[in-house]
């Protein structure tokens, strides 16, 4: 299944609420990423990439730009 960038981040971090908690956003803000075309806002990308690097989570700049295929 192919996920758009926002869906990939939410999926990888375990859902809307866990993603919001880990990234410092409100759940409604993270949920809104899905309803605005599936793109992650530019201002959130650096936060996500820093989080992924610190916590060894498989989220890259390519995932934030293009999305990803998951099983």
Protein backbone atom coordinates (compact mmCIF):
# COMPACT_ATOMS: atom_id res chain seq x y z
CA UNK A 1 0.00 0.00 0.00
CA UNK A 2 1.31 3.46 -0.86
CA UNK A 3 1.06 6.22 1.74
CA UNK A 4 1.29 9.94 1.12
CA UNK A 5 3.93 11.79 3.19
CA UNK A 6 1.65 12.75 6.10
CA UNK A 7 0.12 9.28 6.25
CA UNK A 8 3.59 7.72 6.26
CA UNK A 9 4.73 9.85 9.21
CA UNK A 10 1.53 9.12 11.14
CA UNK A 11 1.74 5.40 10.35
CA UNK A 12 5.44 5.17 11.25
CA UNK A 13 4.97 6.97 14.57
CA UNK A 14 1.98 4.84 15.58
CA UNK A 15 -1.01 7.07 14.89
CA UNK A 16 -2.13 10.67 15.12
CA UNK A 17 -1.89 11.06 18.89
CA UNK A 18 1.52 9.40 19.33
CA UNK A 19 2.90 11.40 16.37
CA UNK A 20 1.55 14.64 17.82
CA UNK A 21 3.00 13.88 21.25
CA UNK A 22 6.43 12.95 19.89
CA UNK A 23 6.66 15.93 17.53
CA UNK A 24 5.17 18.57 19.83
CA UNK A 25 2.06 19.29 17.77
CA UNK A 26 -1.60 19.05 18.70
CA UNK A 27 -3.43 15.95 17.44
CA UNK A 28 -5.74 18.17 15.39
CA UNK A 29 -2.74 19.76 13.63
CA UNK A 30 -1.27 16.36 12.74
CA UNK A 31 -4.65 15.07 11.61
CA UNK A 32 -5.08 18.14 9.40
CA UNK A 33 -1.93 17.18 7.48
CA UNK A 34 -3.90 14.26 6.03
CA UNK A 35 -6.80 16.42 4.90
CA UNK A 36 -4.68 19.00 3.08
CA UNK A 37 -3.51 16.71 0.31
CA UNK A 38 -1.31 14.49 2.46
CA UNK A 39 1.66 16.85 2.47
CA UNK A 40 3.69 17.56 5.58
CA UNK A 41 4.02 21.32 6.16
CA UNK A 42 7.47 22.66 5.39
CA UNK A 43 7.91 24.01 8.92
CA UNK A 44 7.30 20.52 10.37
CA UNK A 45 9.75 18.66 8.14
CA UNK A 46 12.90 19.66 10.06
CA UNK A 47 11.26 18.70 13.37
CA UNK A 48 10.30 15.30 11.95
CA UNK A 49 13.74 14.65 10.47
CA UNK A 50 15.48 15.66 13.71
CA UNK A 51 13.15 13.40 15.70
CA UNK A 52 13.73 10.50 13.29
CA UNK A 53 17.50 10.87 13.49
CA UNK A 54 17.56 11.10 17.32
CA UNK A 55 15.25 8.09 17.71
CA UNK A 56 16.48 6.01 14.77
CA UNK A 57 13.10 6.03 13.07
CA UNK A 58 12.92 5.30 9.34
CA UNK A 59 11.68 8.67 8.07
CA UNK A 60 13.80 10.42 5.46
CA UNK A 61 13.52 13.60 3.41
CA UNK A 62 12.37 11.45 0.48
CA UNK A 63 9.51 10.07 2.59
CA UNK A 64 8.46 13.62 3.43
CA UNK A 65 8.53 14.62 -0.22
CA UNK A 66 7.15 11.58 -2.02
CA UNK A 67 5.56 9.26 0.54
CA UNK A 68 6.37 5.57 0.73
CA UNK A 69 5.13 2.09 0.09
CA UNK A 70 4.44 0.00 3.20
CA UNK A 71 3.40 -3.60 3.70
